[in-house]
Amino acid sequence: MTTTETLIDRARDLYERRFPDGNLWGGADGQPITGAQVVAHAEAAAERAATIDWKVPDSFRAGGPGEVADGRVHTTYYAVGAIIEMLIRTATGAPYADAWAWYLQPGLTADTARAMYTDVAAFARRYGPEAG
């Protein structure tokens, strides 16, 4: 098992405590979302992180922690940010994490952002609901 897989497995405990009713999988528009939708969102963000000038001190570099590659806020915005926060808390043991605070760190690199979005996609692929 890789370090990423271990982190994702450990984050499941936090997910089950934070979202005991599964309400992570409700979109910003009030509609249910699937793991596949969150995977697509995270992969688009990872792709954008790889293709922009990451050094620009722009709070919207790579579309922010929860925006899709074309810059539109997607219904999966909340889920992506919540998963980032759970992964950070799991990795660091911190009692609280904020996806925007992580994202706006001056030292955040495109490689680190891509890795995080890849982990978000892996979490959603593993624990997100399928289309019903």
N, C-alpha and C. Protein backbone atom coordinates (compact mmCIF):
# COMPACT_ATOMS: atom_id res chain seq x y z
N MET A 1 0.85 -1.18 0.00
CA MET A 1 0.00 0.00 0.00
C MET A 1 0.89 1.24 0.00
N THR A 2 0.58 2.19 -0.86
CA THR A 2 1.38 3.41 -0.93
C THR A 2 1.03 4.36 0.20
N THR A 3 1.86 5.36 0.38
CA THR A 3 1.59 6.39 1.38
C THR A 3 0.26 7.07 1.10
N THR A 4 -0.01 7.38 -0.17
CA THR A 4 -1.27 8.02 -0.53
C THR A 4 -2.45 7.14 -0.17
N GLU A 5 -2.36 5.85 -0.47
CA GLU A 5 -3.46 4.95 -0.13
C GLU A 5 -3.65 4.88 1.38
N THR A 6 -2.58 4.88 2.13
CA THR A 6 -2.67 4.86 3.59
C THR A 6 -3.36 6.14 4.08
N LEU A 7 -2.97 7.28 3.56
CA LEU A 7 -3.57 8.55 3.94
C LEU A 7 -5.06 8.54 3.64
N ILE A 8 -5.43 8.08 2.47
CA ILE A 8 -6.83 8.06 2.08
C ILE A 8 -7.63 7.11 2.98
N ASP A 9 -7.06 5.96 3.28
CA ASP A 9 -7.74 5.04 4.19
C ASP A 9 -7.91 5.65 5.57
N ARG A 10 -6.89 6.34 6.06
CA ARG A 10 -6.97 6.97 7.39
C ARG A 10 -7.97 8.13 7.37
N ALA A 11 -8.06 8.84 6.26
CA ALA A 11 -8.99 9.97 6.16
C ALA A 11 -10.44 9.50 6.21
N ARG A 12 -10.68 8.25 5.89
CA ARG A 12 -12.05 7.73 5.92
C ARG A 12 -12.64 7.83 7.33
N ASP A 13 -11.84 7.59 8.35
CA ASP A 13 -12.34 7.71 9.72
C ASP A 13 -12.84 9.13 10.01
N LEU A 14 -12.06 10.11 9.59
CA LEU A 14 -12.47 11.50 9.79
C LEU A 14 -13.73 11.80 8.97
N TYR A 15 -13.77 11.31 7.76
CA TYR A 15 -14.94 11.49 6.89
C TYR A 15 -16.19 10.92 7.56
N GLU A 16 -16.09 9.73 8.11
CA GLU A 16 -17.26 9.10 8.74
C GLU A 16 -17.71 9.87 9.98
N ARG A 17 -16.79 10.48 10.70
CA ARG A 17 -17.17 11.29 11.86
C ARG A 17 -17.75 12.63 11.44
N ARG A 18 -17.16 13.24 10.43
CA ARG A 18 -17.60 14.58 10.01
C ARG A 18 -18.89 14.54 9.21
N PHE A 19 -19.08 13.49 8.44
CA PHE A 19 -20.25 13.37 7.57
C PHE A 19 -20.97 12.04 7.80
N PRO A 20 -21.49 11.82 9.01
CA PRO A 20 -22.09 10.51 9.31
C PRO A 20 -23.32 10.19 8.45
N ASP A 21 -23.96 11.22 7.93
CA ASP A 21 -25.13 10.99 7.08
C ASP A 21 -24.78 11.04 5.59
N GLY A 22 -23.49 11.12 5.27
CA GLY A 22 -23.07 11.16 3.88
C GLY A 22 -23.32 12.48 3.18
N ASN A 23 -23.56 13.55 3.96
CA ASN A 23 -23.93 14.81 3.32
C ASN A 23 -22.78 15.52 2.61
N LEU A 24 -21.61 14.93 2.57
CA LEU A 24 -20.53 15.46 1.74
C LEU A 24 -20.92 15.37 0.26
N TRP A 25 -21.74 14.41 -0.07
CA TRP A 25 -22.07 14.11 -1.46
C TRP A 25 -23.33 14.82 -1.92
N GLY A 26 -23.50 16.05 -1.43
CA GLY A 26 -24.55 16.94 -1.93
C GLY A 26 -23.87 18.12 -2.58
N GLY A 27 -24.27 18.45 -3.77
CA GLY A 27 -23.63 19.53 -4.50
C GLY A 27 -24.01 20.90 -4.00
N ALA A 28 -23.25 21.89 -4.40
CA ALA A 28 -23.52 23.27 -4.04
C ALA A 28 -24.87 23.72 -4.56
N ASP A 29 -25.40 23.03 -5.56
CA ASP A 29 -26.71 23.37 -6.11
C ASP A 29 -27.84 22.59 -5.43
N GLY A 30 -27.50 21.83 -4.38
CA GLY A 30 -28.51 21.08 -3.64
C GLY A 30 -28.83 19.71 -4.21
N GLN A 31 -28.19 19.37 -5.30
CA GLN A 31 -28.44 18.08 -5.93
C GLN A 31 -27.37 17.06 -5.50
N PRO A 32 -27.72 15.78 -5.49
CA PRO A 32 -26.72 14.77 -5.16
C PRO A 32 -25.59 14.76 -6.20
N ILE A 33 -24.39 14.46 -5.73
CA ILE A 33 -23.25 14.32 -6.64
C ILE A 33 -22.65 12.93 -6.45
N THR A 34 -21.90 12.51 -7.43
CA THR A 34 -21.27 11.20 -7.38
C THR A 34 -19.77 11.34 -7.16
N GLY A 35 -19.17 10.24 -6.77
CA GLY A 35 -17.72 10.21 -6.66
C GLY A 35 -17.07 10.54 -8.00
N ALA A 36 -17.65 10.04 -9.09
CA ALA A 36 -17.09 10.28 -10.42
C ALA A 36 -17.09 11.76 -10.76
N GLN A 37 -18.11 12.50 -10.33
CA GLN A 37 -18.14 13.94 -10.60
C GLN A 37 -17.01 14.65 -9.84
N VAL A 38 -16.77 14.23 -8.61
CA VAL A 38 -15.69 14.83 -7.82
C VAL A 38 -14.34 14.44 -8.42
N VAL A 39 -14.21 13.20 -8.88
CA VAL A 39 -12.97 12.77 -9.54
C VAL A 39 -12.70 13.65 -10.76
N ALA A 40 -13.71 13.86 -11.59
CA ALA A 40 -13.54 14.68 -12.79
C ALA A 40 -13.12 16.10 -12.42
N HIS A 41 -13.72 16.64 -11.40
CA HIS A 41 -13.40 17.98 -10.93
C HIS A 41 -11.94 18.06 -10.45
N ALA A 42 -11.55 17.12 -9.60
CA ALA A 42 -10.18 17.12 -9.06
C ALA A 42 -9.16 16.91 -10.17
N GLU A 43 -9.46 16.04 -11.11
CA GLU A 43 -8.53 15.81 -12.22
C GLU A 43 -8.40 17.04 -13.11
N ALA A 44 -9.50 17.77 -13.30
CA ALA A 44 -9.44 19.01 -14.09
C ALA A 44 -8.59 20.05 -13.38
N ALA A 45 -8.73 20.14 -12.05
CA ALA A 45 -7.92 21.09 -11.29
C ALA A 45 -6.44 20.71 -11.34
N ALA A 46 -6.14 19.42 -11.24
CA ALA A 46 -4.75 18.96 -11.34
C ALA A 46 -4.17 19.29 -12.71
N GLU A 47 -4.96 19.08 -13.73
CA GLU A 47 -4.52 19.39 -15.10
C GLU A 47 -4.23 20.88 -15.25
N ARG A 48 -5.11 21.70 -14.71
CA ARG A 48 -4.90 23.14 -14.82
C ARG A 48 -3.67 23.58 -14.04
N ALA A 49 -3.44 22.98 -12.88
CA ALA A 49 -2.25 23.33 -12.10
C ALA A 49 -0.99 23.04 -12.91
N ALA A 50 -1.06 22.06 -13.77
CA ALA A 50 0.11 21.69 -14.58
C ALA A 50 0.30 22.61 -15.78
N THR A 51 -0.72 23.40 -16.13
CA THR A 51 -0.64 24.15 -17.38
C THR A 51 -0.61 25.67 -17.22
N ILE A 52 -0.66 26.17 -15.98
CA ILE A 52 -0.65 27.63 -15.81
C ILE A 52 0.67 28.07 -15.21
N ASP A 53 0.91 29.38 -15.23
CA ASP A 53 2.09 29.94 -14.59
C ASP A 53 1.81 30.00 -13.10
N TRP A 54 2.24 28.99 -12.37
CA TRP A 54 1.93 28.84 -10.96
C TRP A 54 2.52 29.95 -10.10
N LYS A 55 3.56 30.61 -10.58
CA LYS A 55 4.23 31.62 -9.76
C LYS A 55 3.44 32.92 -9.65
N VAL A 56 2.44 33.07 -10.46
CA VAL A 56 1.62 34.28 -10.36
C VAL A 56 0.91 34.27 -9.01
N PRO A 57 1.05 35.32 -8.20
CA PRO A 57 0.41 35.33 -6.89
C PRO A 57 -1.08 35.65 -7.02
N ASP A 58 -1.80 34.74 -7.60
CA ASP A 58 -3.20 34.93 -7.90
C ASP A 58 -4.02 33.95 -7.07
N SER A 59 -5.00 34.45 -6.33
CA SER A 59 -5.79 33.57 -5.48
C SER A 59 -6.62 32.59 -6.29
N PHE A 60 -6.70 32.77 -7.59
CA PHE A 60 -7.46 31.85 -8.43
C PHE A 60 -6.57 30.98 -9.31
N ARG A 61 -5.26 30.90 -8.96
CA ARG A 61 -4.40 30.02 -9.74
C ARG A 61 -4.99 28.62 -9.72
N ALA A 62 -4.97 27.97 -10.82
CA ALA A 62 -5.52 26.62 -11.00
C ALA A 62 -6.99 26.55 -10.61
N GLY A 63 -7.67 27.68 -10.61
CA GLY A 63 -9.10 27.65 -10.36
C GLY A 63 -9.49 27.58 -8.90
N GLY A 64 -8.56 27.76 -7.99
CA GLY A 64 -8.89 27.66 -6.57
C GLY A 64 -9.06 26.23 -6.14
N PRO A 65 -9.20 26.01 -4.84
CA PRO A 65 -9.27 24.62 -4.36
C PRO A 65 -10.52 23.90 -4.79
N GLY A 66 -11.50 24.60 -5.30
CA GLY A 66 -12.73 23.92 -5.65
C GLY A 66 -13.35 24.34 -6.95
N GLU A 67 -12.60 24.97 -7.85
CA GLU A 67 -13.18 25.36 -9.13
C GLU A 67 -12.65 24.47 -10.23
N VAL A 68 -13.44 24.30 -11.26
CA VAL A 68 -13.02 23.46 -12.37
C VAL A 68 -12.07 24.22 -13.28
N ALA A 69 -11.46 23.51 -14.19
CA ALA A 69 -10.38 24.07 -15.00
C ALA A 69 -10.82 25.27 -15.82
N ASP A 70 -12.08 25.37 -16.21
CA ASP A 70 -12.48 26.51 -17.02
C ASP A 70 -12.87 27.72 -16.16
N GLY A 71 -12.69 27.62 -14.82
CA GLY A 71 -12.93 28.73 -13.93
C GLY A 71 -14.36 28.82 -13.41
N ARG A 72 -15.29 28.01 -13.92
CA ARG A 72 -16.66 28.04 -13.41
C ARG A 72 -16.74 27.30 -12.09
N VAL A 73 -17.46 27.86 -11.13
CA VAL A 73 -17.69 27.14 -9.89
C VAL A 73 -18.61 25.98 -10.23
N HIS A 74 -18.21 24.82 -9.88
CA HIS A 74 -18.94 23.60 -10.21
C HIS A 74 -19.70 23.14 -8.98
N THR A 75 -20.70 22.36 -9.17
CA THR A 75 -21.51 21.87 -8.06
C THR A 75 -20.70 21.04 -7.06
N THR A 76 -19.53 20.57 -7.47
CA THR A 76 -18.70 19.75 -6.58
C THR A 76 -17.68 20.57 -5.78
N TYR A 77 -17.78 21.88 -5.87
CA TYR A 77 -16.85 22.78 -5.19
C TYR A 77 -16.68 22.44 -3.71
N TYR A 78 -17.79 22.31 -3.00
CA TYR A 78 -17.73 22.05 -1.56
C TYR A 78 -17.06 20.72 -1.26
N ALA A 79 -17.40 19.68 -1.99
CA ALA A 79 -16.84 18.34 -1.74
C ALA A 79 -15.33 18.35 -1.92
N VAL A 80 -14.84 18.98 -2.98
CA VAL A 80 -13.39 19.03 -3.21
C VAL A 80 -12.70 19.72 -2.04
N GLY A 81 -13.20 20.86 -1.61
CA GLY A 81 -12.60 21.57 -0.50
C GLY A 81 -12.66 20.77 0.80
N ALA A 82 -13.79 20.12 1.06
CA ALA A 82 -13.93 19.33 2.29
C ALA A 82 -12.96 18.15 2.30
N ILE A 83 -12.76 17.53 1.15
CA ILE A 83 -11.83 16.40 1.07
C ILE A 83 -10.40 16.89 1.28
N ILE A 84 -10.05 18.03 0.69
CA ILE A 84 -8.73 18.60 0.92
C ILE A 84 -8.52 18.81 2.41
N GLU A 85 -9.50 19.40 3.07
CA GLU A 85 -9.38 19.66 4.51
C GLU A 85 -9.21 18.36 5.31
N MET A 86 -9.97 17.32 4.96
CA MET A 86 -9.84 16.05 5.68
C MET A 86 -8.48 15.41 5.44
N LEU A 87 -7.96 15.52 4.22
CA LEU A 87 -6.64 14.96 3.94
C LEU A 87 -5.55 15.70 4.70
N ILE A 88 -5.66 17.02 4.76
CA ILE A 88 -4.68 17.81 5.52
C ILE A 88 -4.73 17.42 6.99
N ARG A 89 -5.91 17.38 7.55
CA ARG A 89 -6.05 17.04 8.97
C ARG A 89 -5.51 15.65 9.26
N THR A 90 -5.77 14.72 8.37
CA THR A 90 -5.28 13.36 8.55
C THR A 90 -3.76 13.31 8.48
N ALA A 91 -3.19 14.03 7.53
CA ALA A 91 -1.74 14.01 7.35
C ALA A 91 -1.00 14.72 8.48
N THR A 92 -1.60 15.79 9.02
CA THR A 92 -0.89 16.60 10.00
C THR A 92 -1.33 16.38 11.44
N GLY A 93 -2.51 15.82 11.61
CA GLY A 93 -3.07 15.68 12.95
C GLY A 93 -3.69 16.96 13.47
N ALA A 94 -3.80 17.97 12.62
CA ALA A 94 -4.38 19.25 13.03
C ALA A 94 -5.87 19.09 13.32
N PRO A 95 -6.38 19.83 14.30
CA PRO A 95 -7.81 19.73 14.61
C PRO A 95 -8.69 20.44 13.60
N TYR A 96 -8.09 21.31 12.79
CA TYR A 96 -8.85 22.08 11.81
C TYR A 96 -7.95 22.36 10.62
N ALA A 97 -8.52 22.42 9.44
CA ALA A 97 -7.79 22.83 8.24
C ALA A 97 -8.76 23.57 7.34
N ASP A 98 -8.24 24.46 6.54
CA ASP A 98 -9.06 25.23 5.61
C ASP A 98 -8.43 25.09 4.22
N ALA A 99 -9.22 24.68 3.26
CA ALA A 99 -8.71 24.45 1.91
C ALA A 99 -8.14 25.73 1.30
N TRP A 100 -8.79 26.87 1.52
CA TRP A 100 -8.27 28.12 0.95
C TRP A 100 -6.96 28.52 1.60
N ALA A 101 -6.84 28.35 2.90
CA ALA A 101 -5.58 28.68 3.57
C ALA A 101 -4.45 27.81 3.02
N TRP A 102 -4.73 26.53 2.80
CA TRP A 102 -3.73 25.64 2.21
C TRP A 102 -3.37 26.13 0.82
N TYR A 103 -4.39 26.42 0.03
CA TYR A 103 -4.21 26.78 -1.36
C TYR A 103 -3.44 28.08 -1.56
N LEU A 104 -3.62 29.02 -0.64
CA LEU A 104 -2.99 30.33 -0.78
C LEU A 104 -1.63 30.43 -0.10
N GLN A 105 -1.09 29.32 0.39
CA GLN A 105 0.25 29.34 0.98
C GLN A 105 1.24 29.89 -0.03
N PRO A 106 2.10 30.81 0.37
CA PRO A 106 3.09 31.32 -0.58
C PRO A 106 3.99 30.23 -1.15
N GLY A 107 4.31 29.21 -0.38
CA GLY A 107 5.22 28.18 -0.84
C GLY A 107 4.57 27.00 -1.55
N LEU A 108 3.26 27.06 -1.76
CA LEU A 108 2.59 25.94 -2.43
C LEU A 108 3.05 25.84 -3.88
N THR A 109 3.50 24.68 -4.26
CA THR A 109 3.98 24.48 -5.63
C THR A 109 2.91 23.80 -6.47
N ALA A 110 3.05 23.92 -7.77
CA ALA A 110 2.13 23.25 -8.68
C ALA A 110 2.18 21.74 -8.46
N ASP A 111 3.37 21.20 -8.21
CA ASP A 111 3.50 19.76 -7.98
C ASP A 111 2.73 19.32 -6.73
N THR A 112 2.82 20.13 -5.66
CA THR A 112 2.10 19.80 -4.43
C THR A 112 0.60 19.90 -4.66
N ALA A 113 0.16 20.92 -5.38
CA ALA A 113 -1.28 21.07 -5.67
C ALA A 113 -1.77 19.90 -6.51
N ARG A 114 -1.01 19.53 -7.54
CA ARG A 114 -1.41 18.39 -8.37
C ARG A 114 -1.51 17.12 -7.54
N ALA A 115 -0.55 16.93 -6.64
CA ALA A 115 -0.58 15.73 -5.78
C ALA A 115 -1.82 15.74 -4.89
N MET A 116 -2.17 16.89 -4.35
CA MET A 116 -3.36 16.97 -3.50
C MET A 116 -4.62 16.65 -4.31
N TYR A 117 -4.74 17.25 -5.48
CA TYR A 117 -5.92 16.98 -6.31
C TYR A 117 -5.98 15.50 -6.72
N THR A 118 -4.83 14.90 -6.93
CA THR A 118 -4.79 13.46 -7.23
C THR A 118 -5.29 12.65 -6.05
N ASP A 119 -4.91 13.07 -4.84
CA ASP A 119 -5.40 12.40 -3.63
C ASP A 119 -6.90 12.61 -3.45
N VAL A 120 -7.39 13.81 -3.76
CA VAL A 120 -8.83 14.07 -3.69
C VAL A 120 -9.57 13.14 -4.65
N ALA A 121 -9.05 13.00 -5.86
CA ALA A 121 -9.68 12.12 -6.83
C ALA A 121 -9.67 10.67 -6.34
N ALA A 122 -8.56 10.24 -5.75
CA ALA A 122 -8.48 8.87 -5.24
C ALA A 122 -9.48 8.64 -4.11
N PHE A 123 -9.63 9.63 -3.22
CA PHE A 123 -10.60 9.52 -2.13
C PHE A 123 -12.02 9.41 -2.69
N ALA A 124 -12.35 10.28 -3.62
CA ALA A 124 -13.70 10.28 -4.22
C ALA A 124 -13.96 8.99 -4.99
N ARG A 125 -12.94 8.51 -5.67
CA ARG A 125 -13.08 7.26 -6.42
C ARG A 125 -13.38 6.09 -5.46
N ARG A 126 -12.73 6.13 -4.31
CA ARG A 126 -12.87 5.04 -3.36
C ARG A 126 -14.16 5.14 -2.53
N TYR A 127 -14.52 6.35 -2.09
CA TYR A 127 -15.61 6.49 -1.12
C TYR A 127 -16.84 7.21 -1.63
N GLY A 128 -16.75 7.82 -2.79
CA GLY A 128 -17.91 8.56 -3.32
C GLY A 128 -18.99 7.63 -3.84
N PRO A 129 -20.23 8.10 -3.80
CA PRO A 129 -21.33 7.29 -4.30
C PRO A 129 -21.31 7.18 -5.81
N GLU A 130 -21.85 6.08 -6.28
CA GLU A 130 -21.99 5.90 -7.73
C GLU A 130 -23.29 6.56 -8.19
N ALA A 131 -23.39 6.78 -9.47
CA ALA A 131 -24.63 7.36 -10.01
C ALA A 131 -25.80 6.42 -9.71
N GLY A 132 -26.92 7.01 -9.33
CA GLY A 132 -28.06 6.18 -8.93
C GLY A 132 -29.15 6.06 -9.90
